[in-house]
C-alpha cells in the first residue's frame, strides 16, 4: 500500500519499526559504553564498579536480538526486512555511483533503502550474531571446549572495534541528513525528500495502490 500522507508528508516508518530501531540502538550503545568501561584503563578507573559493568554488558548483549524478534510481529517490519534482503538493478547503480563519488542524489535514486543501508543492515546483523556467539563462549566456556577462551576474546574484541567504527559512520551519515532523522523520530518525511533520494520507493508504492484500487473500481 502507498504510504499515507499527512500535511504534505509521506509515512516512512511505522511505530513498531521506530521502536525496534530505538531499542536496538540503546542496547547497542549500552554494550559499547560498558565495554569501554571494562577495557579502557583510564575509563575503568574513573567509573569503577567492574562487576556491575560486566553484568550490564552481558545482559544488554543477550537482550540485543529481542527488539528484532518482537518486531517480527509487525507486518511493516517484516516488509522492510524483505526490502533489505533484496538487491535491485538500481541498487547496483547506486553502488557504482558511490564508488565513483557522484555526489548528486539525482544520479543515484533508491528504493525505500539505498544499497549502502542494505549492506550496513546485513553486516551489523551478522556482526551481532558473532558477538553473541563469542560472548556466550567467554561466559560459558563449557559450551565448546575445543574453542579456546583466548580465541573467543580475540574475535570478540576485534569485532567490537569494527562495530564501533561502523556505528560512528552510521551516526555521522544520520547527522548529515536531518530529514532522515525526522523520519525515524516521527515516522514521516517530506515528499520532496523521498522523491529526491528514494524515488523508486514512491513509484512502487503508487503502483501498489493502483493495483489495490483497480478491483474496487471493477466492483463499482
N, C-alpha and C. Protein backbone atom coordinates (compact mmCIF):
# COMPACT_ATOMS: atom_id res chain seq x y z
N UNK A 1 0.85 -1.20 0.00
CA UNK A 1 0.00 0.00 0.00
C UNK A 1 0.89 1.25 0.00
N UNK A 2 0.38 2.31 -0.63
CA UNK A 2 1.14 3.55 -0.64
C UNK A 2 1.17 4.16 0.76
N UNK A 3 2.31 4.77 1.14
CA UNK A 3 2.39 5.38 2.46
C UNK A 3 1.36 6.49 2.61
N UNK A 4 0.61 6.54 3.70
CA UNK A 4 -0.35 7.62 3.91
C UNK A 4 0.36 8.96 4.06
N UNK A 5 -0.28 10.01 3.61
CA UNK A 5 0.30 11.34 3.70
C UNK A 5 -0.34 12.12 4.84
N UNK A 6 0.43 13.06 5.37
CA UNK A 6 -0.07 13.93 6.44
C UNK A 6 0.59 15.28 6.29
N UNK A 7 -0.22 16.28 5.90
CA UNK A 7 0.28 17.63 5.71
C UNK A 7 1.43 17.66 4.71
N UNK A 8 1.25 17.00 3.59
CA UNK A 8 2.26 17.02 2.55
C UNK A 8 3.44 16.12 2.83
N UNK A 9 3.36 15.28 3.84
CA UNK A 9 4.46 14.39 4.19
C UNK A 9 4.07 12.94 3.92
N UNK A 10 5.06 12.09 3.80
CA UNK A 10 4.85 10.69 3.47
C UNK A 10 5.30 9.84 4.66
N UNK A 11 4.51 8.85 4.99
CA UNK A 11 4.88 7.98 6.10
C UNK A 11 5.96 7.01 5.65
N UNK A 12 7.06 7.01 6.39
CA UNK A 12 8.21 6.16 6.04
C UNK A 12 8.33 4.96 6.97
N UNK A 13 8.10 5.16 8.26
CA UNK A 13 8.25 4.07 9.22
C UNK A 13 7.04 4.03 10.15
N UNK A 14 6.62 2.81 10.47
CA UNK A 14 5.54 2.62 11.44
C UNK A 14 6.10 2.78 12.86
N UNK A 15 5.19 2.84 13.82
CA UNK A 15 5.62 2.94 15.23
C UNK A 15 6.46 1.75 15.64
N UNK A 16 6.06 0.55 15.22
CA UNK A 16 6.81 -0.65 15.58
C UNK A 16 8.23 -0.59 15.04
N UNK A 17 8.39 -0.16 13.79
CA UNK A 17 9.73 -0.07 13.20
C UNK A 17 10.60 0.92 13.95
N UNK A 18 10.02 2.05 14.31
CA UNK A 18 10.80 3.05 15.04
C UNK A 18 11.18 2.57 16.43
N UNK A 19 10.28 1.83 17.08
CA UNK A 19 10.60 1.30 18.40
C UNK A 19 11.70 0.24 18.34
N UNK A 20 11.67 -0.58 17.31
CA UNK A 20 12.72 -1.59 17.13
C UNK A 20 14.07 -0.91 16.94
N UNK A 21 14.10 0.11 16.08
CA UNK A 21 15.35 0.83 15.82
C UNK A 21 15.85 1.51 17.08
N UNK A 22 14.95 2.14 17.81
CA UNK A 22 15.34 2.87 19.02
C UNK A 22 15.85 1.93 20.11
N UNK A 23 15.13 0.84 20.34
CA UNK A 23 15.54 -0.10 21.39
C UNK A 23 16.86 -0.77 21.03
N UNK A 24 17.02 -1.15 19.77
CA UNK A 24 18.28 -1.77 19.34
C UNK A 24 19.43 -0.79 19.48
N UNK A 25 19.19 0.47 19.11
CA UNK A 25 20.24 1.47 19.24
C UNK A 25 20.68 1.69 20.67
N UNK A 26 19.71 1.76 21.60
CA UNK A 26 20.07 1.96 23.01
C UNK A 26 20.81 0.76 23.57
N UNK A 27 20.38 -0.45 23.22
CA UNK A 27 21.08 -1.64 23.70
C UNK A 27 22.50 -1.72 23.13
N UNK A 28 22.64 -1.37 21.85
CA UNK A 28 23.97 -1.37 21.24
C UNK A 28 24.87 -0.34 21.91
N UNK A 29 24.32 0.85 22.16
CA UNK A 29 25.10 1.88 22.83
C UNK A 29 25.50 1.45 24.24
N UNK A 30 24.58 0.78 24.95
CA UNK A 30 24.88 0.29 26.29
C UNK A 30 26.00 -0.74 26.25
N UNK A 31 25.96 -1.62 25.25
CA UNK A 31 27.04 -2.61 25.09
C UNK A 31 28.39 -1.93 24.89
N UNK A 32 28.43 -0.93 24.01
CA UNK A 32 29.69 -0.27 23.69
C UNK A 32 30.22 0.54 24.88
N UNK A 33 29.32 1.23 25.58
CA UNK A 33 29.76 2.05 26.71
C UNK A 33 30.29 1.18 27.84
N UNK A 34 29.58 0.10 28.17
CA UNK A 34 30.06 -0.78 29.24
C UNK A 34 31.33 -1.52 28.82
N UNK A 35 31.45 -1.84 27.52
CA UNK A 35 32.69 -2.46 27.05
C UNK A 35 33.87 -1.51 27.23
N UNK A 36 33.65 -0.22 26.92
CA UNK A 36 34.70 0.77 27.11
C UNK A 36 35.09 0.89 28.58
N UNK A 37 34.10 0.82 29.47
CA UNK A 37 34.37 0.89 30.92
C UNK A 37 35.13 -0.33 31.41
N UNK A 38 35.05 -1.44 30.68
CA UNK A 38 35.74 -2.66 31.09
C UNK A 38 37.15 -2.75 30.53
N UNK A 39 37.36 -2.22 29.30
CA UNK A 39 38.62 -2.49 28.60
C UNK A 39 39.54 -1.28 28.47
N UNK A 40 39.03 -0.08 28.65
CA UNK A 40 39.89 1.11 28.58
C UNK A 40 40.29 1.50 30.00
N UNK A 41 41.57 1.37 30.29
CA UNK A 41 42.08 1.55 31.64
C UNK A 41 41.66 2.83 32.33
N UNK A 42 41.93 4.02 31.74
CA UNK A 42 41.55 5.27 32.42
C UNK A 42 40.04 5.36 32.69
N UNK A 43 39.23 4.91 31.73
CA UNK A 43 37.79 4.96 31.93
C UNK A 43 37.34 3.96 33.00
N UNK A 44 37.98 2.78 33.02
CA UNK A 44 37.65 1.79 34.03
C UNK A 44 37.96 2.31 35.44
N UNK A 45 39.09 3.02 35.59
CA UNK A 45 39.44 3.57 36.89
C UNK A 45 38.48 4.68 37.29
N UNK A 46 38.03 5.46 36.32
CA UNK A 46 37.13 6.57 36.62
C UNK A 46 35.76 6.06 37.05
N UNK A 47 35.24 5.05 36.36
CA UNK A 47 33.90 4.55 36.64
C UNK A 47 33.89 3.56 37.80
N UNK A 48 34.87 2.63 37.79
CA UNK A 48 34.89 1.59 38.81
C UNK A 48 33.73 0.62 38.63
N UNK A 49 33.33 -0.06 39.72
CA UNK A 49 32.18 -0.97 39.71
C UNK A 49 32.27 -1.94 38.53
N UNK A 50 33.40 -2.63 38.45
CA UNK A 50 33.66 -3.51 37.30
C UNK A 50 32.62 -4.64 37.21
N UNK A 51 32.25 -5.19 38.34
CA UNK A 51 31.29 -6.30 38.30
C UNK A 51 29.95 -5.83 37.75
N UNK A 52 29.51 -4.63 38.15
CA UNK A 52 28.25 -4.09 37.63
C UNK A 52 28.35 -3.85 36.14
N UNK A 53 29.47 -3.26 35.68
CA UNK A 53 29.65 -3.01 34.26
C UNK A 53 29.63 -4.31 33.45
N UNK A 54 30.28 -5.34 33.99
CA UNK A 54 30.31 -6.63 33.30
C UNK A 54 28.91 -7.23 33.21
N UNK A 55 28.14 -7.13 34.28
CA UNK A 55 26.78 -7.69 34.29
C UNK A 55 25.88 -6.96 33.29
N UNK A 56 25.96 -5.63 33.30
CA UNK A 56 25.14 -4.85 32.36
C UNK A 56 25.56 -5.15 30.93
N UNK A 57 26.86 -5.28 30.69
CA UNK A 57 27.36 -5.58 29.34
C UNK A 57 26.85 -6.93 28.86
N UNK A 58 26.92 -7.93 29.72
CA UNK A 58 26.48 -9.27 29.32
C UNK A 58 24.99 -9.32 29.01
N UNK A 59 24.19 -8.72 29.87
CA UNK A 59 22.74 -8.82 29.66
C UNK A 59 22.24 -7.91 28.55
N UNK A 60 22.88 -6.77 28.34
CA UNK A 60 22.49 -5.93 27.20
C UNK A 60 22.83 -6.64 25.90
N UNK A 61 23.92 -7.41 25.89
CA UNK A 61 24.25 -8.20 24.70
C UNK A 61 23.26 -9.33 24.47
N UNK A 62 22.87 -10.00 25.54
CA UNK A 62 21.89 -11.09 25.43
C UNK A 62 20.55 -10.56 24.92
N UNK A 63 20.17 -9.37 25.39
CA UNK A 63 18.86 -8.81 25.02
C UNK A 63 18.87 -8.13 23.66
N UNK A 64 20.03 -7.97 23.04
CA UNK A 64 20.12 -7.22 21.80
C UNK A 64 19.20 -7.73 20.69
N UNK A 65 19.04 -9.05 20.50
CA UNK A 65 18.13 -9.50 19.43
C UNK A 65 16.65 -9.37 19.78
N UNK A 66 16.32 -9.07 21.05
CA UNK A 66 14.92 -9.07 21.47
C UNK A 66 14.06 -8.07 20.69
N UNK A 67 14.50 -6.80 20.49
CA UNK A 67 13.66 -5.88 19.70
C UNK A 67 13.39 -6.40 18.29
N UNK A 68 14.39 -7.01 17.69
CA UNK A 68 14.20 -7.58 16.35
C UNK A 68 13.14 -8.68 16.36
N UNK A 69 13.23 -9.58 17.34
CA UNK A 69 12.28 -10.68 17.41
C UNK A 69 10.86 -10.18 17.66
N UNK A 70 10.72 -9.18 18.53
CA UNK A 70 9.40 -8.60 18.77
C UNK A 70 8.90 -7.87 17.52
N UNK A 71 9.83 -7.26 16.78
CA UNK A 71 9.44 -6.55 15.57
C UNK A 71 8.87 -7.45 14.51
N UNK A 72 9.18 -8.74 14.56
CA UNK A 72 8.64 -9.68 13.57
C UNK A 72 7.12 -9.80 13.66
N UNK A 73 6.55 -9.35 14.76
CA UNK A 73 5.09 -9.35 14.90
C UNK A 73 4.45 -8.27 14.03
N UNK A 74 5.24 -7.31 13.57
CA UNK A 74 4.72 -6.20 12.78
C UNK A 74 4.83 -6.50 11.29
N UNK A 75 3.72 -6.44 10.53
CA UNK A 75 3.79 -6.64 9.07
C UNK A 75 4.70 -5.62 8.38
N UNK A 76 4.67 -4.37 8.85
CA UNK A 76 5.51 -3.34 8.24
C UNK A 76 6.99 -3.65 8.44
N UNK A 77 7.35 -4.14 9.61
CA UNK A 77 8.74 -4.50 9.89
C UNK A 77 9.16 -5.68 9.01
N UNK A 78 8.31 -6.68 8.87
CA UNK A 78 8.64 -7.82 8.02
C UNK A 78 8.78 -7.39 6.55
N UNK A 79 7.95 -6.45 6.12
CA UNK A 79 8.04 -5.96 4.75
C UNK A 79 9.38 -5.25 4.52
N UNK A 80 9.83 -4.48 5.51
CA UNK A 80 11.12 -3.81 5.38
C UNK A 80 12.27 -4.80 5.39
N UNK A 81 12.16 -5.88 6.13
CA UNK A 81 13.20 -6.91 6.10
C UNK A 81 13.32 -7.50 4.70
N UNK A 82 12.19 -7.72 4.04
CA UNK A 82 12.23 -8.24 2.67
C UNK A 82 12.90 -7.23 1.75
N UNK A 83 12.64 -5.97 1.94
CA UNK A 83 13.29 -4.94 1.12
C UNK A 83 14.80 -4.93 1.35
N UNK A 84 15.21 -5.06 2.61
CA UNK A 84 16.63 -5.03 2.93
C UNK A 84 17.37 -6.24 2.37
N UNK A 85 16.67 -7.35 2.20
CA UNK A 85 17.31 -8.58 1.73
C UNK A 85 17.34 -8.71 0.22
N UNK A 86 16.82 -7.72 -0.51
CA UNK A 86 16.77 -7.80 -1.96
C UNK A 86 17.57 -6.67 -2.59
N UNK A 87 18.42 -7.03 -3.55
CA UNK A 87 19.19 -6.05 -4.31
C UNK A 87 18.57 -5.90 -5.69
N UNK A 88 18.16 -4.70 -6.02
CA UNK A 88 17.58 -4.42 -7.34
C UNK A 88 18.64 -3.85 -8.27
N UNK A 89 18.26 -3.67 -9.53
CA UNK A 89 19.20 -3.12 -10.51
C UNK A 89 19.64 -1.72 -10.09
N UNK A 90 18.70 -0.91 -9.57
CA UNK A 90 19.06 0.45 -9.18
C UNK A 90 19.99 0.47 -7.97
N UNK A 91 20.00 -0.60 -7.16
CA UNK A 91 20.96 -0.67 -6.05
C UNK A 91 22.38 -0.81 -6.58
N UNK A 92 22.55 -1.60 -7.63
CA UNK A 92 23.88 -1.75 -8.24
C UNK A 92 24.33 -0.42 -8.85
N UNK A 93 23.40 0.30 -9.46
CA UNK A 93 23.74 1.62 -9.99
C UNK A 93 24.14 2.56 -8.85
N UNK A 94 23.42 2.48 -7.74
CA UNK A 94 23.74 3.32 -6.58
C UNK A 94 25.15 3.05 -6.09
N UNK A 95 25.52 1.77 -6.02
CA UNK A 95 26.86 1.43 -5.56
C UNK A 95 27.93 1.91 -6.54
N UNK A 96 27.67 1.77 -7.84
CA UNK A 96 28.64 2.26 -8.82
C UNK A 96 28.80 3.76 -8.71
N UNK A 97 27.69 4.46 -8.51
CA UNK A 97 27.76 5.91 -8.34
C UNK A 97 28.53 6.29 -7.09
N UNK A 98 28.30 5.53 -6.00
CA UNK A 98 29.00 5.82 -4.75
C UNK A 98 30.51 5.58 -4.90
N UNK A 99 30.87 4.50 -5.59
CA UNK A 99 32.29 4.23 -5.78
C UNK A 99 32.96 5.31 -6.60
N UNK A 100 32.22 5.88 -7.54
CA UNK A 100 32.78 6.95 -8.38
C UNK A 100 32.63 8.31 -7.73
N UNK A 101 32.06 8.32 -6.52
CA UNK A 101 31.89 9.56 -5.76
C UNK A 101 31.04 10.58 -6.51
N UNK A 102 29.94 10.09 -7.09
CA UNK A 102 28.98 11.01 -7.70
C UNK A 102 28.11 11.56 -6.57
N UNK A 103 28.24 12.84 -6.29
CA UNK A 103 27.59 13.39 -5.11
C UNK A 103 26.14 13.80 -5.35
N UNK A 104 25.73 13.96 -6.60
CA UNK A 104 24.36 14.38 -6.86
C UNK A 104 23.38 13.27 -6.52
N UNK A 105 22.44 13.50 -5.60
CA UNK A 105 21.50 12.44 -5.24
C UNK A 105 20.62 12.04 -6.41
N UNK A 106 20.41 12.94 -7.38
CA UNK A 106 19.58 12.59 -8.52
C UNK A 106 20.24 11.52 -9.38
N UNK A 107 21.56 11.38 -9.26
CA UNK A 107 22.26 10.40 -10.09
C UNK A 107 22.18 8.99 -9.50
N UNK A 108 21.64 8.86 -8.29
CA UNK A 108 21.55 7.54 -7.67
C UNK A 108 20.26 7.39 -6.86
N UNK A 109 19.10 7.38 -7.51
CA UNK A 109 17.85 7.16 -6.79
C UNK A 109 17.80 5.76 -6.23
N UNK A 110 17.05 5.57 -5.15
CA UNK A 110 17.00 4.27 -4.47
C UNK A 110 15.57 3.90 -4.14
N UNK A 111 15.40 2.68 -3.63
CA UNK A 111 14.12 2.26 -3.11
C UNK A 111 13.94 2.82 -1.71
N UNK A 112 13.18 2.15 -0.88
CA UNK A 112 12.99 2.65 0.47
C UNK A 112 14.32 2.73 1.21
N UNK A 113 15.22 1.78 0.92
CA UNK A 113 16.57 1.79 1.50
C UNK A 113 17.56 1.77 0.36
N UNK A 114 18.61 2.58 0.46
CA UNK A 114 19.62 2.54 -0.59
C UNK A 114 20.57 1.36 -0.35
N UNK A 115 21.44 1.13 -1.32
CA UNK A 115 22.32 -0.03 -1.26
C UNK A 115 23.25 0.01 -0.06
N UNK A 116 23.70 1.21 0.31
CA UNK A 116 24.57 1.33 1.48
C UNK A 116 23.86 0.92 2.76
N UNK A 117 22.61 1.31 2.89
CA UNK A 117 21.83 0.92 4.07
C UNK A 117 21.59 -0.58 4.10
N UNK A 118 21.38 -1.18 2.94
CA UNK A 118 21.18 -2.63 2.89
C UNK A 118 22.45 -3.38 3.30
N UNK A 119 23.60 -2.91 2.81
CA UNK A 119 24.86 -3.55 3.20
C UNK A 119 25.13 -3.37 4.69
N UNK A 120 24.84 -2.18 5.20
CA UNK A 120 25.04 -1.93 6.63
C UNK A 120 24.15 -2.85 7.47
N UNK A 121 22.88 -2.97 7.08
CA UNK A 121 21.95 -3.80 7.86
C UNK A 121 22.40 -5.26 7.87
N UNK A 122 22.83 -5.78 6.71
CA UNK A 122 23.30 -7.16 6.66
C UNK A 122 24.56 -7.37 7.47
N UNK A 123 25.48 -6.40 7.38
CA UNK A 123 26.75 -6.55 8.11
C UNK A 123 26.52 -6.49 9.62
N UNK A 124 25.72 -5.52 10.08
CA UNK A 124 25.52 -5.37 11.52
C UNK A 124 24.76 -6.55 12.09
N UNK A 125 23.84 -7.13 11.31
CA UNK A 125 23.10 -8.31 11.78
C UNK A 125 24.06 -9.49 11.97
N UNK A 126 24.94 -9.71 11.00
CA UNK A 126 25.92 -10.79 11.14
C UNK A 126 26.89 -10.53 12.27
N UNK A 127 27.31 -9.28 12.42
CA UNK A 127 28.27 -8.94 13.49
C UNK A 127 27.66 -9.18 14.86
N UNK A 128 26.39 -8.83 15.03
CA UNK A 128 25.73 -9.05 16.33
C UNK A 128 25.66 -10.53 16.66
N UNK A 129 25.38 -11.36 15.67
CA UNK A 129 25.32 -12.81 15.91
C UNK A 129 26.69 -13.35 16.33
N UNK A 130 27.75 -12.89 15.65
CA UNK A 130 29.10 -13.34 16.02
C UNK A 130 29.46 -12.84 17.41
N UNK A 131 29.10 -11.60 17.73
CA UNK A 131 29.39 -11.06 19.06
C UNK A 131 28.66 -11.85 20.14
N UNK A 132 27.41 -12.21 19.86
CA UNK A 132 26.67 -13.01 20.84
C UNK A 132 27.31 -14.38 21.01
N UNK A 133 27.71 -15.00 19.89
CA UNK A 133 28.32 -16.32 19.97
C UNK A 133 29.62 -16.31 20.75
N UNK A 134 30.49 -15.36 20.43
CA UNK A 134 31.77 -15.30 21.15
C UNK A 134 31.57 -14.87 22.60
N UNK A 135 30.58 -14.00 22.83
CA UNK A 135 30.30 -13.60 24.21
C UNK A 135 29.82 -14.76 25.05
N UNK A 136 28.96 -15.61 24.49
CA UNK A 136 28.49 -16.78 25.22
C UNK A 136 29.62 -17.77 25.46
N UNK A 137 30.53 -17.89 24.50
CA UNK A 137 31.68 -18.77 24.70
C UNK A 137 32.55 -18.27 25.85
N UNK A 138 32.72 -16.96 25.94
CA UNK A 138 33.51 -16.39 27.04
C UNK A 138 32.79 -16.56 28.37
N UNK A 139 31.45 -16.51 28.33
CA UNK A 139 30.65 -16.60 29.56
C UNK A 139 30.53 -18.06 30.02
N UNK A 140 30.30 -18.95 29.07
CA UNK A 140 30.13 -20.37 29.38
C UNK A 140 31.09 -21.18 28.51
N UNK A 141 32.34 -21.24 28.93
CA UNK A 141 33.35 -21.89 28.11
C UNK A 141 33.07 -23.37 27.89
N UNK A 142 32.24 -23.97 28.74
CA UNK A 142 31.94 -25.39 28.58
C UNK A 142 31.09 -25.70 27.36
N UNK A 143 30.52 -24.66 26.72
CA UNK A 143 29.67 -24.90 25.55
C UNK A 143 30.45 -25.55 24.42
N UNK A 144 31.65 -25.05 24.16
CA UNK A 144 32.52 -25.60 23.10
C UNK A 144 33.93 -25.70 23.65
N UNK A 145 34.26 -26.81 24.30
CA UNK A 145 35.59 -26.93 24.91
C UNK A 145 36.73 -26.83 23.90
N UNK A 146 36.44 -27.16 22.62
CA UNK A 146 37.50 -27.14 21.62
C UNK A 146 37.95 -25.72 21.27
N UNK A 147 37.11 -24.74 21.56
CA UNK A 147 37.44 -23.35 21.26
C UNK A 147 38.06 -22.70 22.50
N UNK A 148 39.24 -22.16 22.34
CA UNK A 148 39.93 -21.56 23.49
C UNK A 148 39.31 -20.22 23.85
N UNK A 149 39.39 -19.88 25.11
CA UNK A 149 38.87 -18.59 25.57
C UNK A 149 39.62 -17.44 24.90
N UNK A 150 40.92 -17.64 24.67
CA UNK A 150 41.73 -16.60 24.03
C UNK A 150 41.22 -16.29 22.63
N UNK A 151 40.86 -17.32 21.88
CA UNK A 151 40.34 -17.11 20.52
C UNK A 151 39.02 -16.36 20.55
N UNK A 152 38.14 -16.74 21.47
CA UNK A 152 36.85 -16.06 21.58
C UNK A 152 37.03 -14.60 21.95
N UNK A 153 37.93 -14.32 22.87
CA UNK A 153 38.19 -12.94 23.29
C UNK A 153 38.76 -12.14 22.13
N UNK A 154 39.68 -12.74 21.37
CA UNK A 154 40.30 -12.03 20.25
C UNK A 154 39.26 -11.63 19.21
N UNK A 155 38.41 -12.58 18.81
CA UNK A 155 37.38 -12.27 17.81
C UNK A 155 36.39 -11.25 18.36
N UNK A 156 35.99 -11.42 19.61
CA UNK A 156 35.02 -10.51 20.24
C UNK A 156 35.56 -9.09 20.28
N UNK A 157 36.80 -8.93 20.70
CA UNK A 157 37.38 -7.60 20.84
C UNK A 157 37.59 -6.93 19.48
N UNK A 158 38.12 -7.68 18.51
CA UNK A 158 38.36 -7.10 17.18
C UNK A 158 37.05 -6.67 16.52
N UNK A 159 36.04 -7.52 16.65
CA UNK A 159 34.76 -7.18 16.04
C UNK A 159 34.10 -6.01 16.77
N UNK A 160 34.32 -5.89 18.07
CA UNK A 160 33.76 -4.76 18.82
C UNK A 160 34.32 -3.44 18.29
N UNK A 161 35.62 -3.41 18.01
CA UNK A 161 36.21 -2.20 17.45
C UNK A 161 35.63 -1.90 16.07
N UNK A 162 35.45 -2.95 15.26
CA UNK A 162 34.88 -2.75 13.93
C UNK A 162 33.46 -2.21 14.02
N UNK A 163 32.66 -2.75 14.95
CA UNK A 163 31.28 -2.28 15.13
C UNK A 163 31.28 -0.82 15.56
N UNK A 164 32.19 -0.46 16.46
CA UNK A 164 32.25 0.93 16.93
C UNK A 164 32.54 1.88 15.77
N UNK A 165 33.48 1.50 14.90
CA UNK A 165 33.83 2.35 13.76
C UNK A 165 32.64 2.47 12.79
N UNK A 166 31.99 1.34 12.51
CA UNK A 166 30.86 1.36 11.58
C UNK A 166 29.69 2.15 12.16
N UNK A 167 29.43 2.02 13.45
CA UNK A 167 28.34 2.77 14.07
C UNK A 167 28.61 4.28 14.06
N UNK A 168 29.86 4.66 14.26
CA UNK A 168 30.20 6.08 14.18
C UNK A 168 29.91 6.60 12.77
N UNK A 169 30.29 5.81 11.76
CA UNK A 169 29.98 6.21 10.39
C UNK A 169 28.48 6.30 10.14
N UNK A 170 27.73 5.36 10.70
CA UNK A 170 26.27 5.37 10.56
C UNK A 170 25.67 6.61 11.19
N UNK A 171 26.14 6.96 12.37
CA UNK A 171 25.62 8.14 13.06
C UNK A 171 26.03 9.43 12.36
N UNK A 172 27.21 9.46 11.76
CA UNK A 172 27.63 10.64 11.01
C UNK A 172 26.73 10.85 9.80
N UNK A 173 26.41 9.76 9.11
CA UNK A 173 25.50 9.87 7.96
C UNK A 173 24.13 10.37 8.40
N UNK A 174 23.64 9.84 9.52
CA UNK A 174 22.34 10.27 10.02
C UNK A 174 22.37 11.74 10.44
N UNK A 175 23.45 12.16 11.06
CA UNK A 175 23.56 13.56 11.50
C UNK A 175 23.57 14.51 10.31
N UNK A 176 24.12 14.04 9.18
CA UNK A 176 24.21 14.89 7.99
C UNK A 176 22.88 14.99 7.25
N UNK A 177 21.88 14.20 7.63
CA UNK A 177 20.59 14.20 6.93
C UNK A 177 19.46 14.40 7.94
N UNK A 178 19.12 15.66 8.25
CA UNK A 178 18.06 15.91 9.26
C UNK A 178 16.71 15.30 8.88
N UNK A 179 16.41 15.25 7.59
CA UNK A 179 15.12 14.70 7.17
C UNK A 179 15.03 13.21 7.46
N UNK A 180 16.15 12.50 7.27
CA UNK A 180 16.17 11.06 7.59
C UNK A 180 15.97 10.85 9.09
N UNK A 181 16.59 11.69 9.91
CA UNK A 181 16.42 11.58 11.36
C UNK A 181 14.97 11.88 11.75
N UNK A 182 14.38 12.86 11.08
CA UNK A 182 12.99 13.20 11.37
C UNK A 182 12.08 12.02 11.02
N UNK A 183 12.38 11.33 9.92
CA UNK A 183 11.58 10.17 9.54
C UNK A 183 11.66 9.06 10.58
N UNK A 184 12.84 8.87 11.16
CA UNK A 184 12.97 7.84 12.18
C UNK A 184 12.35 8.27 13.51
N UNK A 185 12.31 9.57 13.75
CA UNK A 185 11.75 10.06 15.01
C UNK A 185 10.23 10.15 14.97
N UNK A 186 9.67 10.63 13.84
CA UNK A 186 8.23 10.85 13.76
C UNK A 186 7.52 9.84 12.85
N UNK A 187 8.27 9.18 11.98
CA UNK A 187 7.68 8.26 11.02
C UNK A 187 7.36 8.88 9.69
N UNK A 188 7.46 10.21 9.56
CA UNK A 188 7.09 10.91 8.32
C UNK A 188 8.27 11.69 7.76
N UNK A 189 8.34 11.76 6.43
CA UNK A 189 9.33 12.57 5.73
C UNK A 189 8.61 13.41 4.68
N UNK A 190 9.28 14.44 4.20
CA UNK A 190 8.67 15.27 3.16
C UNK A 190 8.65 14.50 1.84
N UNK A 191 7.62 14.75 1.04
CA UNK A 191 7.52 14.08 -0.25
C UNK A 191 8.68 14.48 -1.15
N UNK A 192 9.12 15.73 -1.09
CA UNK A 192 10.24 16.17 -1.93
C UNK A 192 11.51 15.41 -1.59
N UNK A 193 11.76 15.19 -0.30
CA UNK A 193 12.95 14.43 0.11
C UNK A 193 12.85 12.98 -0.37
N UNK A 194 11.68 12.38 -0.19
CA UNK A 194 11.50 10.99 -0.62
C UNK A 194 11.66 10.87 -2.12
N UNK A 195 11.12 11.84 -2.87
CA UNK A 195 11.23 11.79 -4.33
C UNK A 195 12.65 12.01 -4.79
N UNK A 196 13.43 12.75 -4.01
CA UNK A 196 14.81 13.05 -4.40
C UNK A 196 15.74 11.87 -4.12
N UNK A 197 15.59 11.24 -2.96
CA UNK A 197 16.52 10.19 -2.56
C UNK A 197 15.96 8.77 -2.72
N UNK A 198 14.64 8.62 -2.71
CA UNK A 198 14.04 7.28 -2.72
C UNK A 198 12.89 7.22 -3.72
N UNK A 199 13.18 7.64 -4.93
CA UNK A 199 12.13 7.74 -5.95
C UNK A 199 11.52 6.39 -6.28
N UNK A 200 12.33 5.34 -6.28
CA UNK A 200 11.80 4.01 -6.63
C UNK A 200 10.80 3.53 -5.57
N UNK A 201 11.00 3.91 -4.34
CA UNK A 201 10.07 3.54 -3.27
C UNK A 201 8.70 4.18 -3.51
N UNK A 202 8.69 5.47 -3.84
CA UNK A 202 7.43 6.14 -4.12
C UNK A 202 6.75 5.57 -5.36
N UNK A 203 7.53 5.27 -6.38
CA UNK A 203 6.94 4.70 -7.60
C UNK A 203 6.31 3.35 -7.32
N UNK A 204 7.03 2.49 -6.58
CA UNK A 204 6.48 1.17 -6.25
C UNK A 204 5.23 1.29 -5.39
N UNK A 205 5.24 2.27 -4.47
CA UNK A 205 4.07 2.46 -3.61
C UNK A 205 2.86 2.89 -4.44
N UNK A 206 3.08 3.78 -5.41
CA UNK A 206 1.97 4.21 -6.27
C UNK A 206 1.45 3.05 -7.11
N UNK A 207 2.36 2.20 -7.59
CA UNK A 207 1.93 1.03 -8.38
C UNK A 207 1.09 0.09 -7.53
N UNK A 208 1.50 -0.11 -6.27
CA UNK A 208 0.73 -1.00 -5.38
C UNK A 208 -0.66 -0.44 -5.13
N UNK A 209 -0.73 0.89 -4.96
CA UNK A 209 -2.04 1.49 -4.70
C UNK A 209 -2.94 1.36 -5.92
N UNK A 210 -2.36 1.50 -7.10
CA UNK A 210 -3.16 1.36 -8.32
C UNK A 210 -3.73 -0.04 -8.45
N UNK A 211 -2.89 -1.05 -8.12
CA UNK A 211 -3.36 -2.43 -8.19
C UNK A 211 -4.46 -2.69 -7.18
N UNK A 212 -4.34 -2.08 -5.98
CA UNK A 212 -5.35 -2.30 -4.95
C UNK A 212 -6.66 -1.60 -5.29
N UNK A 213 -6.57 -0.44 -5.96
CA UNK A 213 -7.77 0.31 -6.27
C UNK A 213 -8.50 -0.25 -7.48
N UNK A 214 -7.79 -0.97 -8.35
CA UNK A 214 -8.41 -1.48 -9.58
C UNK A 214 -9.58 -2.43 -9.31
N UNK A 215 -9.45 -3.43 -8.42
CA UNK A 215 -10.59 -4.30 -8.13
C UNK A 215 -11.79 -3.55 -7.56
N UNK A 216 -11.53 -2.52 -6.73
CA UNK A 216 -12.64 -1.74 -6.18
C UNK A 216 -13.38 -1.00 -7.28
N UNK A 217 -12.65 -0.50 -8.28
CA UNK A 217 -13.29 0.20 -9.39
C UNK A 217 -14.13 -0.79 -10.21
N UNK A 218 -13.64 -2.03 -10.35
CA UNK A 218 -14.39 -3.02 -11.10
C UNK A 218 -15.69 -3.37 -10.40
N UNK A 219 -15.63 -3.45 -9.06
CA UNK A 219 -16.84 -3.80 -8.31
C UNK A 219 -17.88 -2.69 -8.38
N UNK A 220 -17.41 -1.45 -8.45
CA UNK A 220 -18.36 -0.34 -8.50
C UNK A 220 -19.01 -0.23 -9.88
